[in-house]
Amino acid sequence: MSGGSYNYLFTAQDLEDLHNRRHDLEEMANRLSGLGYAQDAARETEELLVLFRQWETRASVRMRRLEAVWHAVEWWDSNDSSEQRVHEALAKYRGDNDDAGTPRA
């Protein structure tokens, strides 16, 4: 049998490609860890997985925070809404309003 045990992980072209192969990356980390002489490579492979998880968490939080702003700008630029909606979304994003939506003094 030739190659392919990890779906040709070594051919990943960029971070997006590698991110899409997280399962294979985990399998490779486990395999390297099982080799008594590859602990350094296993650790670095595991660190990549940790970095991906950290990034996913942070990016998800920011994405949720920005969603209403992006929505308002997209709809304004599509002439489906007004600039006022952008200002309102930004005020909420920045925390300029209280929970009832009233501007803070």
C-alpha atoms as a PDB file:
ATOM      1  CA  MET A   1       0.000   0.000   0.000  1.00  0.00           C
ATOM      2  CA  SER A   2       1.352   3.413  -0.865  1.00  0.00           C
ATOM      3  CA  GLY A   3       0.589   6.616   1.035  1.00  0.00           C
ATOM      4  CA  GLY A   4      -2.794   8.055   1.854  1.00  0.00           C
ATOM      5  CA  SER A   5      -3.014   6.831   5.439  1.00  0.00           C
ATOM      6  CA  TYR A   6      -3.665  10.414   6.555  1.00  0.00           C
ATOM      7  CA  ASN A   7      -5.361  11.550   3.340  1.00  0.00           C
ATOM      8  CA  TYR A   8      -2.106  13.051   2.107  1.00  0.00           C
ATOM      9  CA  LEU A   9      -1.971  15.544   4.978  1.00  0.00           C
ATOM     10  CA  PHE A  10       1.466  16.655   3.834  1.00  0.00           C
ATOM     11  CA  THR A  11      -0.068  18.135   0.675  1.00  0.00           C
ATOM     12  CA  ALA A  12      -2.072  20.777   2.551  1.00  0.00           C
ATOM     13  CA  GLN A  13      -1.667  23.967   0.546  1.00  0.00           C
ATOM     14  CA  ASP A  14      -2.534  26.572   3.174  1.00  0.00           C
ATOM     15  CA  LEU A  15      -4.067  27.028   6.618  1.00  0.00           C
ATOM     16  CA  GLU A  16      -7.616  26.701   5.321  1.00  0.00           C
ATOM     17  CA  ASP A  17      -6.747  23.392   3.711  1.00  0.00           C
ATOM     18  CA  LEU A  18      -5.031  22.202   6.887  1.00  0.00           C
ATOM     19  CA  HIS A  19      -7.963  23.403   9.004  1.00  0.00           C
ATOM     20  CA  ASN A  20     -10.300  21.319   6.855  1.00  0.00           C
ATOM     21  CA  ARG A  21      -8.103  18.310   7.597  1.00  0.00           C
ATOM     22  CA  ARG A  22      -8.223  18.603  11.404  1.00  0.00           C
ATOM     23  CA  HIS A  23      -9.211  14.966  11.819  1.00  0.00           C
ATOM     24  CA  ASP A  24      -6.186  13.847   9.831  1.00  0.00           C
ATOM     25  CA  LEU A  25      -4.018  16.259  11.815  1.00  0.00           C
ATOM     26  CA  GLU A  26      -5.284  14.712  15.056  1.00  0.00           C
ATOM     27  CA  GLU A  27      -4.552  11.246  13.731  1.00  0.00           C
ATOM     28  CA  MET A  28      -1.043  12.321  12.772  1.00  0.00           C
ATOM     29  CA  ALA A  29      -0.454  13.837  16.220  1.00  0.00           C
ATOM     30  CA  ASN A  30      -1.552  10.584  17.832  1.00  0.00           C
ATOM     31  CA  ARG A  31       0.677   8.539  15.547  1.00  0.00           C
ATOM     32  CA  LEU A  32       3.706  10.724  16.202  1.00  0.00           C
ATOM     33  CA  SER A  33       2.996  10.641  19.921  1.00  0.00           C
ATOM     34  CA  GLY A  34       3.035   6.846  19.794  1.00  0.00           C
ATOM     35  CA  LEU A  35       6.516   6.868  18.364  1.00  0.00           C
ATOM     36  CA  GLY A  36       9.023   7.134  21.184  1.00  0.00           C
ATOM     37  CA  TYR A  37      11.386   9.209  19.101  1.00  0.00           C
ATOM     38  CA  ALA A  38       8.995  11.837  17.610  1.00  0.00           C
ATOM     39  CA  GLN A  39       7.696  13.623  20.692  1.00  0.00           C
ATOM     40  CA  ASP A  40       8.858  17.029  19.471  1.00  0.00           C
ATOM     41  CA  ALA A  41       6.991  16.672  16.174  1.00  0.00           C
ATOM     42  CA  ALA A  42       3.949  15.279  18.010  1.00  0.00           C
ATOM     43  CA  ARG A  43       3.919  18.278  20.353  1.00  0.00           C
ATOM     44  CA  GLU A  44       4.177  20.773  17.534  1.00  0.00           C
ATOM     45  CA  THR A  45       1.397  19.022  15.607  1.00  0.00           C
ATOM     46  CA  GLU A  46      -0.778  19.114  18.744  1.00  0.00           C
ATOM     47  CA  GLU A  47       0.035  22.810  19.159  1.00  0.00           C
ATOM     48  CA  LEU A  48      -1.357  23.430  15.678  1.00  0.00           C
ATOM     49  CA  LEU A  49      -4.598  21.778  16.752  1.00  0.00           C
ATOM     50  CA  VAL A  50      -4.724  23.930  19.892  1.00  0.00           C
ATOM     51  CA  LEU A  51      -4.135  27.067  17.822  1.00  0.00           C
ATOM     52  CA  PHE A  52      -6.981  26.113  15.485  1.00  0.00           C
ATOM     53  CA  ARG A  53      -9.339  25.550  18.453  1.00  0.00           C
ATOM     54  CA  GLN A  54      -8.361  28.856  20.054  1.00  0.00           C
ATOM     55  CA  TRP A  55      -8.837  30.686  16.787  1.00  0.00           C
ATOM     56  CA  GLU A  56     -12.242  29.061  16.202  1.00  0.00           C
ATOM     57  CA  THR A  57     -13.442  30.128  19.649  1.00  0.00           C
ATOM     58  CA  ARG A  58     -12.194  33.686  19.338  1.00  0.00           C
ATOM     59  CA  ALA A  59     -13.401  34.082  15.771  1.00  0.00           C
ATOM     60  CA  SER A  60     -16.875  32.738  16.645  1.00  0.00           C
ATOM     61  CA  VAL A  61     -17.256  35.241  19.476  1.00  0.00           C
ATOM     62  CA  ARG A  62     -16.215  38.141  17.256  1.00  0.00           C
ATOM     63  CA  MET A  63     -18.411  36.944  14.418  1.00  0.00           C
ATOM     64  CA  ARG A  64     -21.474  36.937  16.682  1.00  0.00           C
ATOM     65  CA  ARG A  65     -20.595  40.417  17.993  1.00  0.00           C
ATOM     66  CA  LEU A  66     -20.245  41.828  14.460  1.00  0.00           C
ATOM     67  CA  GLU A  67     -23.172  40.042  12.828  1.00  0.00           C
ATOM     68  CA  ALA A  68     -25.697  42.869  13.284  1.00  0.00           C
ATOM     69  CA  VAL A  69     -23.208  45.472  12.052  1.00  0.00           C
ATOM     70  CA  TRP A  70     -22.409  43.455   8.938  1.00  0.00           C
ATOM     71  CA  HIS A  71     -26.122  42.889   8.350  1.00  0.00           C
ATOM     72  CA  ALA A  72     -26.901  46.600   8.636  1.00  0.00           C
ATOM     73  CA  VAL A  73     -24.111  47.643   6.262  1.00  0.00           C
ATOM     74  CA  GLU A  74     -24.994  44.963   3.723  1.00  0.00           C
ATOM     75  CA  TRP A  75     -28.652  45.951   3.725  1.00  0.00           C
ATOM     76  CA  TRP A  76     -27.810  49.657   3.506  1.00  0.00           C
ATOM     77  CA  ASP A  77     -25.468  49.046   0.556  1.00  0.00           C
ATOM     78  CA  SER A  78     -28.230  46.978  -1.107  1.00  0.00           C
ATOM     79  CA  ASN A  79     -30.728  49.804  -0.557  1.00  0.00           C
ATOM     80  CA  ASP A  80     -32.808  47.549   1.698  1.00  0.00           C
ATOM     81  CA  SER A  81     -32.264  49.686   4.772  1.00  0.00           C
ATOM     82  CA  SER A  82     -30.991  53.081   5.841  1.00  0.00           C
ATOM     83  CA  GLU A  83     -27.749  54.423   7.234  1.00  0.00           C
ATOM     84  CA  GLN A  84     -29.590  54.928  10.510  1.00  0.00           C
ATOM     85  CA  ARG A  85     -29.734  51.178  10.957  1.00  0.00           C
ATOM     86  CA  VAL A  86     -25.932  51.056  10.643  1.00  0.00           C
ATOM     87  CA  HIS A  87     -25.629  53.694  13.379  1.00  0.00           C
ATOM     88  CA  GLU A  88     -28.013  51.721  15.589  1.00  0.00           C
ATOM     89  CA  ALA A  89     -26.127  48.474  15.040  1.00  0.00           C
ATOM     90  CA  LEU A  90     -22.828  50.196  15.803  1.00  0.00           C
ATOM     91  CA  ALA A  91     -24.237  51.735  18.979  1.00  0.00           C
ATOM     92  CA  LYS A  92     -25.368  48.312  20.148  1.00  0.00           C
ATOM     93  CA  TYR A  93     -22.044  46.746  19.158  1.00  0.00           C
ATOM     94  CA  ARG A  94     -20.159  49.432  21.088  1.00  0.00           C
ATOM     95  CA  GLY A  95     -22.471  49.146  24.090  1.00  0.00           C
ATOM     96  CA  ASP A  96     -23.685  52.726  23.690  1.00  0.00           C
ATOM     97  CA  ASN A  97     -27.268  51.656  24.512  1.00  0.00           C
ATOM     98  CA  ASP A  98     -28.751  50.142  27.629  1.00  0.00           C
ATOM     99  CA  ASP A  99     -30.622  46.832  27.488  1.00  0.00           C
ATOM    100  CA  ALA A 100     -33.806  48.606  26.373  1.00  0.00           C
ATOM    101  CA  GLY A 101     -31.995  50.223  23.425  1.00  0.00           C
ATOM    102  CA  THR A 102     -31.985  53.686  24.966  1.00  0.00           C
ATOM    103  CA  PRO A 103     -28.808  55.703  24.306  1.00  0.00           C
ATOM    104  CA  ARG A 104     -26.587  56.093  27.346  1.00  0.00           C
ATOM    105  CA  ALA A 105     -26.054  59.603  28.637  1.00  0.00           C
END
